[in-house]
PDB file of N, CA and C in Angstrom:
ATOM      1  N   MET A   1      16.773 -85.656-200.417  1.00  0.00           N
ATOM      2  CA  MET A   1      18.345 -85.625-200.120  1.00  0.00           C
ATOM      3  C   MET A   1      18.869 -86.048-199.286  1.00  0.00           C
ATOM      4  N   PHE A   2      18.090 -85.200-197.873  1.00  0.00           N
ATOM      5  CA  PHE A   2      18.558 -85.674-196.560  1.00  0.00           C
ATOM      6  C   PHE A   2      17.918 -86.877-196.412  1.00  0.00           C
ATOM      7  N   ARG A   3      16.758 -87.699-196.519  1.00  0.00           N
ATOM      8  CA  ARG A   3      16.668 -88.669-196.247  1.00  0.00           C
ATOM      9  C   ARG A   3      17.650 -89.857-197.088  1.00  0.00           C
ATOM     10  N   THR A   4      18.129 -89.642-198.096  1.00  0.00           N
ATOM     11  CA  THR A   4      18.886 -90.703-198.572  1.00  0.00           C
ATOM     12  C   THR A   4      20.275 -90.568-197.916  1.00  0.00           C
ATOM     13  N   LEU A   5      20.862 -89.128-197.636  1.00  0.00           N
ATOM     14  CA  LEU A   5      22.035 -89.353-196.751  1.00  0.00           C
ATOM     15  C   LEU A   5      22.104 -89.611-195.211  1.00  0.00           C
ATOM     16  N   ALA A   6      20.699 -89.325-194.635  1.00  0.00           N
ATOM     17  CA  ALA A   6      20.336 -90.025-193.155  1.00  0.00           C
ATOM     18  C   ALA A   6      20.235 -91.472-193.530  1.00  0.00           C
ATOM     19  N   LEU A   7      20.141 -92.249-194.291  1.00  0.00           N
ATOM     20  CA  LEU A   7      20.107 -93.422-194.720  1.00  0.00           C
ATOM     21  C   LEU A   7      21.067 -93.877-195.013  1.00  0.00           C
ATOM     22  N   PHE A   8      22.151 -93.643-195.618  1.00  0.00           N
ATOM     23  CA  PHE A   8      23.002 -93.796-195.930  1.00  0.00           C
ATOM     24  C   PHE A   8      24.092 -93.883-194.717  1.00  0.00           C
ATOM     25  N   ALA A   9      24.182 -92.753-193.707  1.00  0.00           N
ATOM     26  CA  ALA A   9      25.026 -92.526-192.581  1.00  0.00           C
ATOM     27  C   ALA A   9      24.402 -93.386-191.624  1.00  0.00           C
ATOM     28  N   LEU A  10      22.951 -94.026-191.654  1.00  0.00           N
ATOM     29  CA  LEU A  10      22.494 -95.039-190.779  1.00  0.00           C
ATOM     30  C   LEU A  10      23.010 -96.381-190.953  1.00  0.00           C
ATOM     31  N   SER A  11      23.390 -96.768-192.119  1.00  0.00           N
ATOM     32  CA  SER A  11      23.824 -97.907-192.635  1.00  0.00           C
ATOM     33  C   SER A  11      25.329 -97.810-192.402  1.00  0.00           C
ATOM     34  N   LEU A  12      26.176 -97.001-192.644  1.00  0.00           N
ATOM     35  CA  LEU A  12      27.437 -97.104-192.366  1.00  0.00           C
ATOM     36  C   LEU A  12      28.013 -97.628-190.934  1.00  0.00           C
ATOM     37  N   PRO A  13      27.813 -97.504-190.161  1.00  0.00           N
ATOM     38  CA  PRO A  13      28.232 -98.049-189.067  1.00  0.00           C
ATOM     39  C   PRO A  13      27.543 -99.534-189.010  1.00  0.00           C
ATOM     40  N   LEU A  14      26.548-100.017-189.570  1.00  0.00           N
ATOM     41  CA  LEU A  14      25.962-101.101-189.372  1.00  0.00           C
ATOM     42  C   LEU A  14      26.644-102.222-190.597  1.00  0.00           C
ATOM     43  N   THR A  15      27.721-101.718-191.453  1.00  0.00           N
ATOM     44  CA  THR A  15      27.938-102.491-192.742  1.00  0.00           C
ATOM     45  C   THR A  15      29.267-102.537-192.600  1.00  0.00           C
ATOM     46  N   LEU A  16      30.294-101.679-191.891  1.00  0.00           N
ATOM     47  CA  LEU A  16      31.741-101.701-191.697  1.00  0.00           C
ATOM     48  C   LEU A  16      31.968-102.512-190.732  1.00  0.00           C
ATOM     49  N   GLY A  17      32.894-102.920-190.777  1.00  0.00           N
ATOM     50  CA  GLY A  17      33.731-104.065-189.751  1.00  0.00           C
ATOM     51  C   GLY A  17      33.473-105.447-190.124  1.00  0.00           C
ATOM     52  N   THR A  18      34.115-106.421-189.049  1.00  0.00           N
ATOM     53  CA  THR A  18      34.034-107.918-189.472  1.00  0.00           C
ATOM     54  C   THR A  18      32.966-108.455-188.871  1.00  0.00           C
ATOM     55  N   VAL A  19      32.506-109.736-188.947  1.00  0.00           N
ATOM     56  CA  VAL A  19      31.664-110.563-188.628  1.00  0.00           C
ATOM     57  C   VAL A  19      32.058-111.066-187.271  1.00  0.00           C
ATOM     58  N   ALA A  20      31.112-110.621-186.297  1.00  0.00           N
ATOM     59  CA  ALA A  20      31.325-111.585-184.806  1.00  0.00           C
ATOM     60  C   ALA A  20      31.134-112.949-184.816  1.00  0.00           C
ATOM     61  N   CYS A  21      31.356-113.748-183.734  1.00  0.00           N
ATOM     62  CA  CYS A  21      31.368-114.803-183.551  1.00  0.00           C
ATOM     63  C   CYS A  21      30.522-115.005-182.240  1.00  0.00           C
ATOM     64  N   GLY A  22      29.909-116.128-182.170  1.00  0.00           N
ATOM     65  CA  GLY A  22      29.224-116.326-180.971  1.00  0.00           C
ATOM     66  C   GLY A  22      28.522-115.223-179.965  1.00  0.00           C
ATOM     67  N   SER A  23      28.220-115.470-178.986  1.00  0.00           N
ATOM     68  CA  SER A  23      27.640-114.199-178.437  1.00  0.00           C
ATOM     69  C   SER A  23      28.228-113.355-177.713  1.00  0.00           C
ATOM     70  N   ASP A  24      28.061-112.153-177.342  1.00  0.00           N
ATOM     71  CA  ASP A  24      28.962-111.164-176.670  1.00  0.00           C
ATOM     72  C   ASP A  24      27.773-110.408-175.898  1.00  0.00           C
ATOM     73  N   ASP A  25      28.693-109.549-175.231  1.00  0.00           N
ATOM     74  CA  ASP A  25      27.556-108.484-174.397  1.00  0.00           C
ATOM     75  C   ASP A  25      27.863-107.198-174.724  1.00  0.00           C
ATOM     76  N   GLY A  26      27.398-107.058-176.105  1.00  0.00           N
ATOM     77  CA  GLY A  26      27.146-105.809-176.701  1.00  0.00           C
ATOM     78  C   GLY A  26      25.268-105.613-176.576  1.00  0.00           C
ATOM     79  N   PRO A  27      25.018-104.199-177.018  1.00  0.00           N
ATOM     80  CA  PRO A  27      23.845-103.911-176.857  1.00  0.00           C
ATOM     81  C   PRO A  27      23.091-104.766-178.112  1.00  0.00           C
ATOM     82  N   SER A  28      21.630-104.734-177.469  1.00  0.00           N
ATOM     83  CA  SER A  28      20.747-105.620-178.650  1.00  0.00           C
ATOM     84  C   SER A  28      20.836-104.551-179.904  1.00  0.00           C
ATOM     85  N   CYS A  29      20.687-105.539-181.118  1.00  0.00           N
ATOM     86  CA  CYS A  29      20.704-104.557-182.066  1.00  0.00           C
ATOM     87  C   CYS A  29      19.353-103.870-182.431  1.00  0.00           C
ATOM     88  N   ALA A  30      18.094-104.539-181.825  1.00  0.00           N
ATOM     89  CA  ALA A  30      16.789-103.524-182.029  1.00  0.00           C
ATOM     90  C   ALA A  30      17.017-102.535-181.115  1.00  0.00           C
ATOM     91  N   LYS A  31      17.364-102.220-179.951  1.00  0.00           N
ATOM     92  CA  LYS A  31      17.651-101.085-179.193  1.00  0.00           C
ATOM     93  C   LYS A  31      18.679-100.207-180.337  1.00  0.00           C
ATOM     94  N   LEU A  32      19.811-100.584-180.376  1.00  0.00           N
ATOM     95  CA  LEU A  32      20.909-100.068-181.195  1.00  0.00           C
ATOM     96  C   LEU A  32      19.850 -99.248-182.345  1.00  0.00           C
ATOM     97  N   VAL A  33      19.230 -99.991-183.503  1.00  0.00           N
ATOM     98  CA  VAL A  33      18.849 -99.558-184.351  1.00  0.00           C
ATOM     99  C   VAL A  33      17.896 -98.218-184.144  1.00  0.00           C
ATOM    100  N   ASP A  34      17.490 -98.388-182.881  1.00  0.00           N
ATOM    101  CA  ASP A  34      16.476 -97.162-182.547  1.00  0.00           C
ATOM    102  C   ASP A  34      16.984 -96.245-182.403  1.00  0.00           C
ATOM    103  N   HIS A  35      18.237 -96.376-181.407  1.00  0.00           N
ATOM    104  CA  HIS A  35      19.160 -95.316-181.380  1.00  0.00           C
ATOM    105  C   HIS A  35      19.942 -94.724-182.066  1.00  0.00           C
ATOM    106  N   ILE A  36      20.335 -95.277-183.277  1.00  0.00           N
ATOM    107  CA  ILE A  36      20.684 -94.824-184.696  1.00  0.00           C
ATOM    108  C   ILE A  36      19.827 -93.849-185.149  1.00  0.00           C
ATOM    109  N   GLY A  37      18.653 -94.050-184.929  1.00  0.00           N
ATOM    110  CA  GLY A  37      17.657 -93.084-185.793  1.00  0.00           C
ATOM    111  C   GLY A  37      17.417 -92.110-185.218  1.00  0.00           C
ATOM    112  N   LYS A  38      17.182 -92.296-183.893  1.00  0.00           N
ATOM    113  CA  LYS A  38      17.149 -91.032-182.993  1.00  0.00           C
ATOM    114  C   LYS A  38      18.515 -89.723-183.029  1.00  0.00           C
ATOM    115  N   VAL A  39      19.760 -90.590-182.701  1.00  0.00           N
ATOM    116  CA  VAL A  39      20.895 -89.724-183.305  1.00  0.00           C
ATOM    117  C   VAL A  39      21.124 -89.342-184.613  1.00  0.00           C
ATOM    118  N   MET A  40      20.442 -89.732-185.417  1.00  0.00           N
ATOM    119  CA  MET A  40      20.412 -89.259-186.938  1.00  0.00           C
ATOM    120  C   MET A  40      19.053 -88.531-187.216  1.00  0.00           C
ATOM    121  N   GLY A  41      18.210 -88.259-186.520  1.00  0.00           N
ATOM    122  CA  GLY A  41      16.843 -87.462-186.523  1.00  0.00           C
ATOM    123  C   GLY A  41      16.376 -88.005-187.465  1.00  0.00           C
ATOM    124  N   VAL A  42      16.430 -89.692-187.734  1.00  0.00           N
ATOM    125  CA  VAL A  42      15.138 -89.978-188.857  1.00  0.00           C
ATOM    126  C   VAL A  42      14.385 -91.516-188.030  1.00  0.00           C
ATOM    127  N   ASP A  43      13.418 -91.500-188.873  1.00  0.00           N
ATOM    128  CA  ASP A  43      12.530 -92.263-188.549  1.00  0.00           C
ATOM    129  C   ASP A  43      12.761 -93.742-189.370  1.00  0.00           C
ATOM    130  N   ILE A  44      13.383 -94.904-188.626  1.00  0.00           N
ATOM    131  CA  ILE A  44      13.531 -95.573-189.768  1.00  0.00           C
ATOM    132  C   ILE A  44      12.259 -96.586-189.857  1.00  0.00           C
ATOM    133  N   PRO A  45      12.124 -96.670-191.368  1.00  0.00           N
ATOM    134  CA  PRO A  45      11.030 -97.629-192.168  1.00  0.00           C
ATOM    135  C   PRO A  45      10.690 -98.803-191.739  1.00  0.00           C
ATOM    136  N   ALA A  46       9.692 -99.228-191.274  1.00  0.00           N
ATOM    137  CA  ALA A  46       9.558-100.423-190.989  1.00  0.00           C
ATOM    138  C   ALA A  46       9.792-101.714-191.882  1.00  0.00           C
ATOM    139  N   ASP A  47       9.922-101.617-192.925  1.00  0.00           N
ATOM    140  CA  ASP A  47      10.786-102.352-194.323  1.00  0.00           C
ATOM    141  C   ASP A  47      12.090-102.358-194.172  1.00  0.00           C
ATOM    142  N   GLN A  48      12.949-101.517-193.696  1.00  0.00           N
ATOM    143  CA  GLN A  48      14.191-101.227-193.394  1.00  0.00           C
ATOM    144  C   GLN A  48      14.865-101.816-191.914  1.00  0.00           C
ATOM    145  N   ARG A  49      14.049-101.601-191.040  1.00  0.00           N
ATOM    146  CA  ARG A  49      14.105-102.300-189.641  1.00  0.00           C
ATOM    147  C   ARG A  49      14.859-103.301-189.527  1.00  0.00           C
ATOM    148  N   GLY A  50      14.140-104.452-190.199  1.00  0.00           N
ATOM    149  CA  GLY A  50      14.623-106.143-190.403  1.00  0.00           C
ATOM    150  C   GLY A  50      15.966-106.248-190.703  1.00  0.00           C
ATOM    151  N   PRO A  51      16.684-105.616-192.025  1.00  0.00           N
ATOM    152  CA  PRO A  51      17.625-105.799-192.452  1.00  0.00           C
ATOM    153  C   PRO A  51      18.779-105.120-191.513  1.00  0.00           C
ATOM    154  N   ALA A  52      18.163-103.862-191.311  1.00  0.00           N
ATOM    155  CA  ALA A  52      19.352-103.057-190.494  1.00  0.00           C
ATOM    156  C   ALA A  52      19.720-103.860-188.992  1.00  0.00           C
ATOM    157  N   ILE A  53      18.746-104.611-188.544  1.00  0.00           N
ATOM    158  CA  ILE A  53      19.017-105.056-187.377  1.00  0.00           C
ATOM    159  C   ILE A  53      19.989-106.303-187.927  1.00  0.00           C
ATOM    160  N   ALA A  54      19.500-107.021-188.979  1.00  0.00           N
ATOM    161  CA  ALA A  54      20.197-108.308-189.208  1.00  0.00           C
ATOM    162  C   ALA A  54      21.993-108.178-189.606  1.00  0.00           C
ATOM    163  N   LYS A  55      21.694-106.813-190.063  1.00  0.00           N
ATOM    164  CA  LYS A  55      23.438-106.270-190.142  1.00  0.00           C
ATOM    165  C   LYS A  55      24.125-106.029-189.443  1.00  0.00           C
ATOM    166  N   CYS A  56      23.211-105.387-187.969  1.00  0.00           N
ATOM    167  CA  CYS A  56      24.050-105.179-187.050  1.00  0.00           C
ATOM    168  C   CYS A  56      24.572-106.377-186.086  1.00  0.00           C
ATOM    169  N   GLU A  57      23.650-107.607-186.199  1.00  0.00           N
ATOM    170  CA  GLU A  57      24.113-108.750-185.420  1.00  0.00           C
ATOM    171  C   GLU A  57      25.332-109.143-185.981  1.00  0.00           C
ATOM    172  N   LYS A  58      25.901-108.603-187.175  1.00  0.00           N
ATOM    173  CA  LYS A  58      26.929-109.426-187.627  1.00  0.00           C
ATOM    174  C   LYS A  58      28.484-108.355-187.313  1.00  0.00           C
ATOM    175  N   GLU A  59      28.102-107.620-186.279  1.00  0.00           N
ATOM    176  CA  GLU A  59      29.145-106.476-185.638  1.00  0.00           C
ATOM    177  C   GLU A  59      29.820-106.733-184.571  1.00  0.00           C
ATOM    178  N   PRO A  60      30.837-106.696-184.367  1.00  0.00           N
ATOM    179  CA  PRO A  60      31.446-106.945-182.963  1.00  0.00           C
ATOM    180  C   PRO A  60      30.458-106.207-181.624  1.00  0.00           C
ATOM    181  N   ALA A  61      30.826-106.687-180.641  1.00  0.00           N
ATOM    182  CA  ALA A  61      30.372-105.810-179.664  1.00  0.00           C
ATOM    183  C   ALA A  61      30.700-104.384-179.135  1.00  0.00           C
ATOM    184  N   SER A  62      32.035-104.518-179.533  1.00  0.00           N
ATOM    185  CA  SER A  62      32.981-103.104-179.009  1.00  0.00           C
ATOM    186  C   SER A  62      32.198-102.002-180.145  1.00  0.00           C
ATOM    187  N   LYS A  63      31.772-102.650-181.509  1.00  0.00           N
ATOM    188  CA  LYS A  63      31.736-101.590-182.242  1.00  0.00           C
ATOM    189  C   LYS A  63      29.934-101.027-182.148  1.00  0.00           C
ATOM    190  N   ARG A  64      28.940-102.059-181.489  1.00  0.00           N
ATOM    191  CA  ARG A  64      27.808-102.065-180.895  1.00  0.00           C
ATOM    192  C   ARG A  64      27.792-100.576-180.045  1.00  0.00           C
ATOM    193  N   THR A  65      28.634-101.143-179.082  1.00  0.00           N
ATOM    194  CA  THR A  65      28.639-100.520-177.734  1.00  0.00           C
ATOM    195  C   THR A  65      29.106 -99.384-177.930  1.00  0.00           C
ATOM    196  N   CYS A  66      30.270 -98.828-178.785  1.00  0.00           N
ATOM    197  CA  CYS A  66      30.294 -97.510-179.421  1.00  0.00           C
ATOM    198  C   CYS A  66      29.336 -96.776-179.817  1.00  0.00           C
ATOM    199  N   ALA A  67      28.626 -97.270-180.915  1.00  0.00           N
ATOM    200  CA  ALA A  67      27.563 -96.694-181.730  1.00  0.00           C
ATOM    201  C   ALA A  67      26.213 -96.179-180.450  1.00  0.00           C
ATOM    202  N   MET A  68      26.287 -97.170-179.706  1.00  0.00           N
ATOM    203  CA  MET A  68      25.275 -97.197-178.577  1.00  0.00           C
ATOM    204  C   MET A  68      25.614 -95.826-177.673  1.00  0.00           C
ATOM    205  N   LYS A  69      26.539 -95.492-177.755  1.00  0.00           N
ATOM    206  CA  LYS A  69      27.274 -94.274-176.727  1.00  0.00           C
ATOM    207  C   LYS A  69      27.359 -93.061-177.445  1.00  0.00           C
ATOM    208  N   ALA A  70      27.315 -93.263-178.981  1.00  0.00           N
ATOM    209  CA  ALA A  70      26.950 -91.958-179.326  1.00  0.00           C
ATOM    210  C   ALA A  70      25.935 -90.954-179.264  1.00  0.00           C
ATOM    211  N   THR A  71      26.237 -89.600-179.389  1.00  0.00           N
ATOM    212  CA  THR A  71      25.179 -88.690-179.128  1.00  0.00           C
ATOM    213  C   THR A  71      25.108 -87.858-180.248  1.00  0.00           C
ATOM    214  N   THR A  72      25.963 -87.643-181.351  1.00  0.00           N
ATOM    215  CA  THR A  72      25.801 -87.041-182.335  1.00  0.00           C
ATOM    216  C   THR A  72      26.204 -87.714-183.568  1.00  0.00           C
ATOM    217  N   PRO A  73      26.099 -87.432-184.748  1.00  0.00           N
ATOM    218  CA  PRO A  73      26.048 -88.289-185.825  1.00  0.00           C
ATOM    219  C   PRO A  73      27.658 -88.415-186.043  1.00  0.00           C
ATOM    220  N   GLU A  74      28.546 -87.519-185.794  1.00  0.00           N
ATOM    221  CA  GLU A  74      30.234 -87.569-185.857  1.00  0.00           C
ATOM    222  C   GLU A  74      30.496 -88.485-185.002  1.00  0.00           C
ATOM    223  N   GLN A  75      29.790 -88.998-183.879  1.00  0.00           N
ATOM    224  CA  GLN A  75      30.369 -89.509-182.879  1.00  0.00           C
ATOM    225  C   GLN A  75      30.211 -91.099-183.560  1.00  0.00           C
ATOM    226  N   LEU A  76      28.788 -91.316-183.995  1.00  0.00           N
ATOM    227  CA  LEU A  76      28.261 -92.721-184.233  1.00  0.00           C
ATOM    228  C   LEU A  76      29.556 -93.001-185.621  1.00  0.00           C
ATOM    229  N   MET A  77      29.711 -92.221-186.400  1.00  0.00           N
ATOM    230  CA  MET A  77      30.499 -92.543-187.767  1.00  0.00           C
ATOM    231  C   MET A  77      31.759 -92.775-187.242  1.00  0.00           C
ATOM    232  N   ALA A  78      32.461 -92.341-186.499  1.00  0.00           N
ATOM    233  CA  ALA A  78      33.488 -92.684-185.874  1.00  0.00           C
ATOM    234  C   ALA A  78      33.792 -93.977-185.202  1.00  0.00           C
ATOM    235  N   CYS A  79      32.852 -94.875-184.787  1.00  0.00           N
ATOM    236  CA  CYS A  79      32.614 -95.982-184.482  1.00  0.00           C
ATOM    237  C   CYS A  79      33.324 -96.884-185.426  1.00  0.00           C
ATOM    238  N   LYS A  80      34.160 -97.758-184.666  1.00  0.00           N
ATOM    239  CA  LYS A  80      35.132 -98.606-185.917  1.00  0.00           C
ATOM    240  C   LYS A  80      34.998-100.333-185.322  1.00  0.00           C
TER     241      LYS A  80
END
């Protein structure tokens, strides 16, 4: 149950929002996926890392920056 909830919480900030266009100054998605795993207290399975990075790359820089600054799951979930 916790694993399912953690994976859902992990994917939520990466799936909400709009598609970003062009390059931006947001954090790299590889680093962000690692950071989200640490904040949520879960290890990201290797087979889910690629899809999570791909979803992240569609998010605006502002949302990725917000998620990178988060230190709690609540802060992470608040990123829009």
